[in-house]
């Protein structure tokens, strides 16, 4: 069995080495995916714990022949990604090739133990720039629109043109970094881990994951509103300095607290994995 494990690791390493290099470069340079290293670490920790529990069980299960079809599907995605020069697809194919090999050589119980840590790696795979740009653009406009509406309801004179917001003494552009995309991706990744350790029906877990999206968007809108209020009271330099940096982690933390409260309301409880 150890020889099979070594064979699988070597095979995947050789096959996906260029893809791994591409991923590491993006994790170092793409502001949306600087958490990529952390995702890999978390997946490895969960995989290690699950494998330890798997090895403590005495039952021996026959390998699953269906795994070869999953592996073949992964190889097909890999080939298309290479031919089309689409690294996102080659990275995505790793999830299927690894899953197929695990099922084929080790069976369903081992796959069950490692399915979540493998699937969780999807949060470390950067989406194509074209897709991110389109989503970020809509989030920019949405955040600017609702933030300006809230400021206007507070009785403050404000004008908005697209993602540009003009106060009496200051002007701002809700750029891509302030679109909320980074917070959305990070909050979804954190929520997925949180859901993994919750004890509740699947539909409640799905609900919690869906709720994470509007919570992340609202937190970003609240951040923009707070900065606009500071700019109105103390000037643009004050708003774009310390508070601009401070509000990002603060509101991300508040958003996660909101998710915890929602999980309590719908009856989910944190429990140790068996």
C-alpha atoms as a PDB file:
ATOM      1  CA  UNK A   1       0.000   0.000   0.000  1.00  0.00           C
ATOM      2  CA  UNK A   2       2.878   2.359   0.727  1.00  0.00           C
ATOM      3  CA  UNK A   3       4.237   1.755  -2.780  1.00  0.00           C
ATOM      4  CA  UNK A   4       0.859   2.690  -4.242  1.00  0.00           C
ATOM      5  CA  UNK A   5       0.794   5.883  -2.164  1.00  0.00           C
ATOM      6  CA  UNK A   6       4.283   6.850  -3.339  1.00  0.00           C
ATOM      7  CA  UNK A   7       3.284   6.088  -6.926  1.00  0.00           C
ATOM      8  CA  UNK A   8       0.201   8.334  -6.705  1.00  0.00           C
ATOM      9  CA  UNK A   9       2.128  11.214  -5.122  1.00  0.00           C
ATOM     10  CA  UNK A  10       4.937  11.021  -7.704  1.00  0.00           C
ATOM     11  CA  UNK A  11       2.460  10.718 -10.594  1.00  0.00           C
ATOM     12  CA  UNK A  12       0.454  13.758  -9.542  1.00  0.00           C
ATOM     13  CA  UNK A  13       3.588  15.786  -8.764  1.00  0.00           C
ATOM     14  CA  UNK A  14       5.070  15.166 -12.210  1.00  0.00           C
ATOM     15  CA  UNK A  15       1.785  15.712 -14.008  1.00  0.00           C
ATOM     16  CA  UNK A  16       0.830  18.907 -12.214  1.00  0.00           C
ATOM     17  CA  UNK A  17       4.200  20.531 -11.488  1.00  0.00           C
ATOM     18  CA  UNK A  18       3.686  23.403 -14.000  1.00  0.00           C
ATOM     19  CA  UNK A  19       0.178  23.929 -12.607  1.00  0.00           C
ATOM     20  CA  UNK A  20       1.473  24.055  -9.033  1.00  0.00           C
ATOM     21  CA  UNK A  21       4.072  26.639 -10.063  1.00  0.00           C
ATOM     22  CA  UNK A  22       1.328  28.729 -11.692  1.00  0.00           C
ATOM     23  CA  UNK A  23      -0.767  28.538  -8.532  1.00  0.00           C
ATOM     24  CA  UNK A  24       2.082  29.583  -6.232  1.00  0.00           C
ATOM     25  CA  UNK A  25       2.906  32.566  -8.459  1.00  0.00           C
ATOM     26  CA  UNK A  26      -0.710  33.743  -8.332  1.00  0.00           C
ATOM     27  CA  UNK A  27      -0.946  33.247  -4.576  1.00  0.00           C
ATOM     28  CA  UNK A  28       2.057  35.546  -4.248  1.00  0.00           C
ATOM     29  CA  UNK A  29       0.747  38.223  -6.628  1.00  0.00           C
ATOM     30  CA  UNK A  30      -3.071  38.069  -6.840  1.00  0.00           C
ATOM     31  CA  UNK A  31      -4.659  40.099  -3.988  1.00  0.00           C
ATOM     32  CA  UNK A  32      -7.830  38.006  -4.246  1.00  0.00           C
ATOM     33  CA  UNK A  33      -6.001  34.738  -3.546  1.00  0.00           C
ATOM     34  CA  UNK A  34      -3.239  35.489  -1.045  1.00  0.00           C
ATOM     35  CA  UNK A  35      -5.059  33.011   1.201  1.00  0.00           C
ATOM     36  CA  UNK A  36      -4.147  30.171  -1.182  1.00  0.00           C
ATOM     37  CA  UNK A  37      -1.292  28.939   1.012  1.00  0.00           C
ATOM     38  CA  UNK A  38      -3.579  28.902   4.054  1.00  0.00           C
ATOM     39  CA  UNK A  39      -6.193  26.864   2.168  1.00  0.00           C
ATOM     40  CA  UNK A  40      -3.588  24.214   1.346  1.00  0.00           C
ATOM     41  CA  UNK A  41      -2.390  24.085   4.967  1.00  0.00           C
ATOM     42  CA  UNK A  42      -5.946  23.719   6.287  1.00  0.00           C
ATOM     43  CA  UNK A  43      -6.707  20.975   3.760  1.00  0.00           C
ATOM     44  CA  UNK A  44      -3.536  19.084   4.715  1.00  0.00           C
ATOM     45  CA  UNK A  45      -4.341  19.326   8.436  1.00  0.00           C
ATOM     46  CA  UNK A  46      -7.893  18.038   7.940  1.00  0.00           C
ATOM     47  CA  UNK A  47      -6.629  15.289   5.636  1.00  0.00           C
ATOM     48  CA  UNK A  48      -4.040  14.217   8.206  1.00  0.00           C
ATOM     49  CA  UNK A  49      -6.611  14.039  10.997  1.00  0.00           C
ATOM     50  CA  UNK A  50      -9.058  12.108   8.830  1.00  0.00           C
ATOM     51  CA  UNK A  51      -6.393   9.653   7.678  1.00  0.00           C
ATOM     52  CA  UNK A  52      -5.427   9.027  11.294  1.00  0.00           C
ATOM     53  CA  UNK A  53      -9.030   8.161  12.112  1.00  0.00           C
ATOM     54  CA  UNK A  54      -9.212   5.990   8.989  1.00  0.00           C
ATOM     55  CA  UNK A  55      -6.074   4.046   9.970  1.00  0.00           C
ATOM     56  CA  UNK A  56      -7.505   3.410  13.443  1.00  0.00           C
ATOM     57  CA  UNK A  57     -10.389   1.500  11.894  1.00  0.00           C
ATOM     58  CA  UNK A  58      -9.855  -2.205  11.414  1.00  0.00           C
ATOM     59  CA  UNK A  59     -12.104  -2.782   8.419  1.00  0.00           C
ATOM     60  CA  UNK A  60     -10.434  -3.361   5.074  1.00  0.00           C
ATOM     61  CA  UNK A  61     -12.382  -2.196   2.058  1.00  0.00           C
ATOM     62  CA  UNK A  62     -11.986  -3.214  -1.546  1.00  0.00           C
ATOM     63  CA  UNK A  63     -10.893  -0.474  -3.996  1.00  0.00           C
ATOM     64  CA  UNK A  64     -13.585   1.213  -6.054  1.00  0.00           C
ATOM     65  CA  UNK A  65     -13.293   0.496  -9.810  1.00  0.00           C
ATOM     66  CA  UNK A  66     -15.535   3.486 -10.602  1.00  0.00           C
ATOM     67  CA  UNK A  67     -12.607   5.689  -9.611  1.00  0.00           C
ATOM     68  CA  UNK A  68     -10.923   5.075 -12.949  1.00  0.00           C
ATOM     69  CA  UNK A  69     -13.753   6.937 -14.689  1.00  0.00           C
ATOM     70  CA  UNK A  70     -13.375   9.942 -12.383  1.00  0.00           C
ATOM     71  CA  UNK A  71      -9.629   9.839 -13.022  1.00  0.00           C
ATOM     72  CA  UNK A  72     -10.242   9.720 -16.792  1.00  0.00           C
ATOM     73  CA  UNK A  73     -12.594  12.706 -16.536  1.00  0.00           C
ATOM     74  CA  UNK A  74      -9.914  14.620 -14.636  1.00  0.00           C
ATOM     75  CA  UNK A  75      -7.323  13.773 -17.274  1.00  0.00           C
ATOM     76  CA  UNK A  76      -9.737  15.001 -19.974  1.00  0.00           C
ATOM     77  CA  UNK A  77     -10.083  18.352 -18.200  1.00  0.00           C
ATOM     78  CA  UNK A  78      -6.309  18.485 -17.813  1.00  0.00           C
ATOM     79  CA  UNK A  79      -5.774  17.830 -21.534  1.00  0.00           C
ATOM     80  CA  UNK A  80      -8.324  20.474 -22.547  1.00  0.00           C
ATOM     81  CA  UNK A  81      -6.667  22.964 -20.200  1.00  0.00           C
ATOM     82  CA  UNK A  82      -3.260  22.270 -21.728  1.00  0.00           C
ATOM     83  CA  UNK A  83      -4.535  22.485 -25.300  1.00  0.00           C
ATOM     84  CA  UNK A  84      -6.565  25.647 -24.706  1.00  0.00           C
ATOM     85  CA  UNK A  85      -3.842  27.167 -22.461  1.00  0.00           C
ATOM     86  CA  UNK A  86      -6.427  27.482 -19.700  1.00  0.00           C
ATOM     87  CA  UNK A  87      -4.542  26.908 -16.410  1.00  0.00           C
ATOM     88  CA  UNK A  88      -7.707  27.270 -14.337  1.00  0.00           C
ATOM     89  CA  UNK A  89      -9.051  24.090 -15.937  1.00  0.00           C
ATOM     90  CA  UNK A  90      -5.804  22.166 -15.411  1.00  0.00           C
ATOM     91  CA  UNK A  91      -5.807  23.168 -11.739  1.00  0.00           C
ATOM     92  CA  UNK A  92      -9.478  22.201 -11.391  1.00  0.00           C
ATOM     93  CA  UNK A  93      -8.770  18.810 -12.978  1.00  0.00           C
ATOM     94  CA  UNK A  94      -6.454  17.963 -10.071  1.00  0.00           C
ATOM     95  CA  UNK A  95      -9.475  17.616  -7.788  1.00  0.00           C
ATOM     96  CA  UNK A  96     -10.926  14.936 -10.062  1.00  0.00           C
ATOM     97  CA  UNK A  97      -7.735  13.029 -10.812  1.00  0.00           C
ATOM     98  CA  UNK A  98      -6.813  12.885  -7.120  1.00  0.00           C
ATOM     99  CA  UNK A  99     -10.365  11.799  -6.189  1.00  0.00           C
ATOM    100  CA  UNK A 100     -10.415   9.121  -8.888  1.00  0.00           C
ATOM    101  CA  UNK A 101      -7.065   7.657  -7.845  1.00  0.00           C
ATOM    102  CA  UNK A 102      -8.064   7.571  -4.173  1.00  0.00           C
ATOM    103  CA  UNK A 103     -11.316   5.779  -4.941  1.00  0.00           C
ATOM    104  CA  UNK A 104      -9.687   3.321  -7.345  1.00  0.00           C
ATOM    105  CA  UNK A 105      -6.809   2.302  -5.069  1.00  0.00           C
ATOM    106  CA  UNK A 106      -8.244   2.795  -1.564  1.00  0.00           C
ATOM    107  CA  UNK A 107     -12.029   2.540  -1.784  1.00  0.00           C
ATOM    108  CA  UNK A 108     -14.975   4.568  -0.569  1.00  0.00           C
ATOM    109  CA  UNK A 109     -14.027   4.948   3.098  1.00  0.00           C
ATOM    110  CA  UNK A 110     -10.678   6.558   2.315  1.00  0.00           C
ATOM    111  CA  UNK A 111     -12.360   8.769  -0.272  1.00  0.00           C
ATOM    112  CA  UNK A 112     -14.939   9.781   2.318  1.00  0.00           C
ATOM    113  CA  UNK A 113     -12.134  10.711   4.690  1.00  0.00           C
ATOM    114  CA  UNK A 114     -10.355  12.879   2.111  1.00  0.00           C
ATOM    115  CA  UNK A 115     -13.195  14.192  -0.025  1.00  0.00           C
ATOM    116  CA  UNK A 116     -13.704  17.414   1.938  1.00  0.00           C
ATOM    117  CA  UNK A 117     -10.015  18.440   2.138  1.00  0.00           C
ATOM    118  CA  UNK A 118      -9.663  17.764  -1.600  1.00  0.00           C
ATOM    119  CA  UNK A 119     -12.828  19.690  -2.487  1.00  0.00           C
ATOM    120  CA  UNK A 120     -11.810  22.545  -0.176  1.00  0.00           C
ATOM    121  CA  UNK A 121      -8.789  23.164  -2.391  1.00  0.00           C
ATOM    122  CA  UNK A 122     -11.146  24.784  -4.906  1.00  0.00           C
ATOM    123  CA  UNK A 123     -10.870  27.986  -2.842  1.00  0.00           C
ATOM    124  CA  UNK A 124      -7.147  28.048  -3.653  1.00  0.00           C
ATOM    125  CA  UNK A 125      -7.726  27.928  -7.418  1.00  0.00           C
ATOM    126  CA  UNK A 126      -7.912  31.477  -8.811  1.00  0.00           C
ATOM    127  CA  UNK A 127     -10.828  32.138 -11.102  1.00  0.00           C
ATOM    128  CA  UNK A 128      -9.963  33.446 -14.590  1.00  0.00           C
ATOM    129  CA  UNK A 129      -9.218  37.166 -14.625  1.00  0.00           C
ATOM    130  CA  UNK A 130     -12.054  37.789 -17.075  1.00  0.00           C
ATOM    131  CA  UNK A 131     -14.583  36.236 -14.719  1.00  0.00           C
ATOM    132  CA  UNK A 132     -13.229  38.044 -11.672  1.00  0.00           C
ATOM    133  CA  UNK A 133     -13.224  41.387 -13.490  1.00  0.00           C
ATOM    134  CA  UNK A 134     -16.874  41.047 -14.504  1.00  0.00           C
ATOM    135  CA  UNK A 135     -18.019  40.051 -11.029  1.00  0.00           C
ATOM    136  CA  UNK A 136     -15.876  42.729  -9.358  1.00  0.00           C
ATOM    137  CA  UNK A 137     -17.290  45.380 -11.721  1.00  0.00           C
ATOM    138  CA  UNK A 138     -20.871  44.548 -10.751  1.00  0.00           C
ATOM    139  CA  UNK A 139     -19.932  44.443  -7.074  1.00  0.00           C
ATOM    140  CA  UNK A 140     -18.286  47.873  -7.398  1.00  0.00           C
ATOM    141  CA  UNK A 141     -21.448  49.401  -8.848  1.00  0.00           C
ATOM    142  CA  UNK A 142     -23.674  47.618  -6.337  1.00  0.00           C
ATOM    143  CA  UNK A 143     -21.584  48.670  -3.346  1.00  0.00           C
ATOM    144  CA  UNK A 144     -21.316  52.271  -4.530  1.00  0.00           C
ATOM    145  CA  UNK A 145     -25.063  52.468  -5.244  1.00  0.00           C
ATOM    146  CA  UNK A 146     -26.222  51.198  -1.858  1.00  0.00           C
ATOM    147  CA  UNK A 147     -23.544  53.090   0.069  1.00  0.00           C
ATOM    148  CA  UNK A 148     -24.549  56.346  -1.622  1.00  0.00           C
ATOM    149  CA  UNK A 149     -28.240  55.638  -0.914  1.00  0.00           C
ATOM    150  CA  UNK A 150     -27.537  55.102   2.786  1.00  0.00           C
ATOM    151  CA  UNK A 151     -25.473  58.293   2.989  1.00  0.00           C
ATOM    152  CA  UNK A 152     -28.268  60.208   1.247  1.00  0.00           C
ATOM    153  CA  UNK A 153     -30.835  58.812   3.723  1.00  0.00           C
ATOM    154  CA  UNK A 154     -28.665  60.189   6.520  1.00  0.00           C
ATOM    155  CA  UNK A 155     -29.200  63.667   5.067  1.00  0.00           C
ATOM    156  CA  UNK A 156     -25.703  64.142   3.613  1.00  0.00           C
ATOM    157  CA  UNK A 157     -25.359  65.697   0.175  1.00  0.00           C
ATOM    158  CA  UNK A 158     -23.857  63.137  -2.212  1.00  0.00           C
ATOM    159  CA  UNK A 159     -23.605  62.454  -5.934  1.00  0.00           C
ATOM    160  CA  UNK A 160     -22.800  59.135  -7.585  1.00  0.00           C
ATOM    161  CA  UNK A 161     -21.737  58.331 -11.133  1.00  0.00           C
ATOM    162  CA  UNK A 162     -21.148  54.625 -11.562  1.00  0.00           C
ATOM    163  CA  UNK A 163     -18.510  53.688  -9.006  1.00  0.00           C
ATOM    164  CA  UNK A 164     -17.563  57.330  -8.388  1.00  0.00           C
ATOM    165  CA  UNK A 165     -18.922  58.975  -5.246  1.00  0.00           C
ATOM    166  CA  UNK A 166     -18.722  62.728  -4.644  1.00  0.00           C
ATOM    167  CA  UNK A 167     -19.226  64.390  -1.281  1.00  0.00           C
ATOM    168  CA  UNK A 168     -19.047  68.140  -0.717  1.00  0.00           C
ATOM    169  CA  UNK A 169     -15.389  68.051   0.305  1.00  0.00           C
ATOM    170  CA  UNK A 170     -14.164  64.712  -1.035  1.00  0.00           C
ATOM    171  CA  UNK A 171     -14.464  62.329  -3.956  1.00  0.00           C
ATOM    172  CA  UNK A 172     -13.928  58.585  -4.038  1.00  0.00           C
ATOM    173  CA  UNK A 173     -13.853  55.775  -6.565  1.00  0.00           C
ATOM    174  CA  UNK A 174     -14.966  52.357  -5.378  1.00  0.00           C
ATOM    175  CA  UNK A 175     -12.216  50.437  -7.136  1.00  0.00           C
ATOM    176  CA  UNK A 176     -11.755  46.705  -7.573  1.00  0.00           C
ATOM    177  CA  UNK A 177      -9.990  46.289  -4.189  1.00  0.00           C
ATOM    178  CA  UNK A 178     -13.024  47.893  -2.502  1.00  0.00           C
ATOM    179  CA  UNK A 179     -15.598  45.911  -4.491  1.00  0.00           C
ATOM    180  CA  UNK A 180     -15.922  43.324  -1.726  1.00  0.00           C
ATOM    181  CA  UNK A 181     -14.702  40.479  -3.937  1.00  0.00           C
ATOM    182  CA  UNK A 182     -11.771  39.695  -1.686  1.00  0.00           C
ATOM    183  CA  UNK A 183     -13.972  39.589   1.407  1.00  0.00           C
ATOM    184  CA  UNK A 184     -16.558  37.464  -0.387  1.00  0.00           C
ATOM    185  CA  UNK A 185     -14.036  34.808  -1.437  1.00  0.00           C
ATOM    186  CA  UNK A 186     -12.374  34.741   1.989  1.00  0.00           C
ATOM    187  CA  UNK A 187     -15.685  34.622   3.871  1.00  0.00           C
ATOM    188  CA  UNK A 188     -16.957  31.756   1.715  1.00  0.00           C
ATOM    189  CA  UNK A 189     -13.763  29.817   2.407  1.00  0.00           C
ATOM    190  CA  UNK A 190     -14.052  30.447   6.150  1.00  0.00           C
ATOM    191  CA  UNK A 191     -17.769  29.645   6.144  1.00  0.00           C
ATOM    192  CA  UNK A 192     -17.100  26.310   4.439  1.00  0.00           C
ATOM    193  CA  UNK A 193     -14.739  25.277   7.246  1.00  0.00           C
ATOM    194  CA  UNK A 194     -17.274  26.471   9.797  1.00  0.00           C
ATOM    195  CA  UNK A 195     -20.023  24.443   8.120  1.00  0.00           C
ATOM    196  CA  UNK A 196     -17.779  21.379   8.095  1.00  0.00           C
ATOM    197  CA  UNK A 197     -17.616  21.310  11.896  1.00  0.00           C
ATOM    198  CA  UNK A 198     -21.312  22.066  12.397  1.00  0.00           C
ATOM    199  CA  UNK A 199     -23.852  19.432  13.346  1.00  0.00           C
ATOM    200  CA  UNK A 200     -27.073  20.102  11.480  1.00  0.00           C
ATOM    201  CA  UNK A 201     -28.983  18.901   8.397  1.00  0.00           C
ATOM    202  CA  UNK A 202     -27.464  19.465   4.983  1.00  0.00           C
ATOM    203  CA  UNK A 203     -30.115  21.980   3.928  1.00  0.00           C
ATOM    204  CA  UNK A 204     -29.245  24.176   6.905  1.00  0.00           C
ATOM    205  CA  UNK A 205     -25.570  24.051   5.979  1.00  0.00           C
ATOM    206  CA  UNK A 206     -26.439  25.016   2.403  1.00  0.00           C
ATOM    207  CA  UNK A 207     -28.564  27.883   3.730  1.00  0.00           C
ATOM    208  CA  UNK A 208     -25.696  29.137   5.841  1.00  0.00           C
ATOM    209  CA  UNK A 209     -23.335  29.077   2.866  1.00  0.00           C
ATOM    210  CA  UNK A 210     -25.822  31.029   0.749  1.00  0.00           C
ATOM    211  CA  UNK A 211     -26.393  33.563   3.523  1.00  0.00           C
ATOM    212  CA  UNK A 212     -22.641  34.243   3.590  1.00  0.00           C
ATOM    213  CA  UNK A 213     -22.908  36.041   0.232  1.00  0.00           C
ATOM    214  CA  UNK A 214     -25.314  38.858   1.237  1.00  0.00           C
ATOM    215  CA  UNK A 215     -23.599  39.168   4.614  1.00  0.00           C
ATOM    216  CA  UNK A 216     -20.231  39.725   2.897  1.00  0.00           C
ATOM    217  CA  UNK A 217     -21.761  42.264   0.519  1.00  0.00           C
ATOM    218  CA  UNK A 218     -23.529  44.123   3.332  1.00  0.00           C
ATOM    219  CA  UNK A 219     -20.312  44.217   5.376  1.00  0.00           C
ATOM    220  CA  UNK A 220     -18.492  45.801   2.430  1.00  0.00           C
ATOM    221  CA  UNK A 221     -21.264  48.364   1.930  1.00  0.00           C
ATOM    222  CA  UNK A 222     -21.119  49.200   5.644  1.00  0.00           C
ATOM    223  CA  UNK A 223     -17.352  49.647   5.317  1.00  0.00           C
ATOM    224  CA  UNK A 224     -17.775  52.125   2.453  1.00  0.00           C
ATOM    225  CA  UNK A 225     -20.495  54.008   4.335  1.00  0.00           C
ATOM    226  CA  UNK A 226     -18.245  54.276   7.397  1.00  0.00           C
ATOM    227  CA  UNK A 227     -15.385  55.656   5.320  1.00  0.00           C
ATOM    228  CA  UNK A 228     -17.667  58.171   3.631  1.00  0.00           C
ATOM    229  CA  UNK A 229     -18.952  59.380   6.991  1.00  0.00           C
ATOM    230  CA  UNK A 230     -15.385  59.806   8.251  1.00  0.00           C
ATOM    231  CA  UNK A 231     -14.463  61.647   5.065  1.00  0.00           C
ATOM    232  CA  UNK A 232     -17.444  63.966   5.468  1.00  0.00           C
ATOM    233  CA  UNK A 233     -16.534  64.742   9.069  1.00  0.00           C
ATOM    234  CA  UNK A 234     -12.728  64.722   9.056  1.00  0.00           C
ATOM    235  CA  UNK A 235     -11.631  64.814   5.416  1.00  0.00           C
ATOM    236  CA  UNK A 236     -10.585  62.359   2.730  1.00  0.00           C
ATOM    237  CA  UNK A 237      -7.022  61.939   4.043  1.00  0.00           C
ATOM    238  CA  UNK A 238      -8.309  60.637   7.367  1.00  0.00           C
ATOM    239  CA  UNK A 239     -10.721  58.215   5.677  1.00  0.00           C
ATOM    240  CA  UNK A 240      -8.137  56.789   3.299  1.00  0.00           C
ATOM    241  CA  UNK A 241      -5.478  56.369   5.967  1.00  0.00           C
ATOM    242  CA  UNK A 242      -5.715  54.274   9.105  1.00  0.00           C
ATOM    243  CA  UNK A 243      -9.467  53.707   8.957  1.00  0.00           C
ATOM    244  CA  UNK A 244      -9.349  52.408   5.368  1.00  0.00           C
ATOM    245  CA  UNK A 245      -7.004  49.640   6.509  1.00  0.00           C
ATOM    246  CA  UNK A 246      -8.611  49.067   9.902  1.00  0.00           C
ATOM    247  CA  UNK A 247     -12.198  48.610   8.719  1.00  0.00           C
ATOM    248  CA  UNK A 248     -11.403  45.685   6.383  1.00  0.00           C
ATOM    249  CA  UNK A 249     -10.492  43.089   9.062  1.00  0.00           C
ATOM    250  CA  UNK A 250     -12.967  44.609  11.532  1.00  0.00           C
ATOM    251  CA  UNK A 251     -15.992  44.228   9.280  1.00  0.00           C
ATOM    252  CA  UNK A 252     -14.808  40.815   8.091  1.00  0.00           C
ATOM    253  CA  UNK A 253     -14.817  39.737  11.731  1.00  0.00           C
ATOM    254  CA  UNK A 254     -18.277  41.237  12.236  1.00  0.00           C
ATOM    255  CA  UNK A 255     -19.535  39.405   9.135  1.00  0.00           C
ATOM    256  CA  UNK A 256     -18.313  36.090  10.514  1.00  0.00           C
ATOM    257  CA  UNK A 257     -19.935  36.818  13.874  1.00  0.00           C
ATOM    258  CA  UNK A 258     -23.192  37.391  11.995  1.00  0.00           C
ATOM    259  CA  UNK A 259     -22.796  33.975  10.367  1.00  0.00           C
ATOM    260  CA  UNK A 260     -22.295  32.375  13.769  1.00  0.00           C
ATOM    261  CA  UNK A 261     -25.470  34.062  15.017  1.00  0.00           C
ATOM    262  CA  UNK A 262     -27.396  32.819  11.972  1.00  0.00           C
ATOM    263  CA  UNK A 263     -26.131  29.279  12.598  1.00  0.00           C
ATOM    264  CA  UNK A 264     -27.389  29.498  16.199  1.00  0.00           C
ATOM    265  CA  UNK A 265     -30.766  30.793  15.087  1.00  0.00           C
ATOM    266  CA  UNK A 266     -31.300  27.948  12.591  1.00  0.00           C
ATOM    267  CA  UNK A 267     -30.243  25.374  15.184  1.00  0.00           C
ATOM    268  CA  UNK A 268     -26.731  24.348  14.146  1.00  0.00           C
ATOM    269  CA  UNK A 269     -24.169  23.318  16.756  1.00  0.00           C
ATOM    270  CA  UNK A 270     -20.405  22.966  16.638  1.00  0.00           C
ATOM    271  CA  UNK A 271     -19.304  19.399  17.284  1.00  0.00           C
ATOM    272  CA  UNK A 272     -16.132  17.358  17.042  1.00  0.00           C
ATOM    273  CA  UNK A 273     -15.808  15.286  13.887  1.00  0.00           C
ATOM    274  CA  UNK A 274     -16.208  11.569  14.495  1.00  0.00           C
END
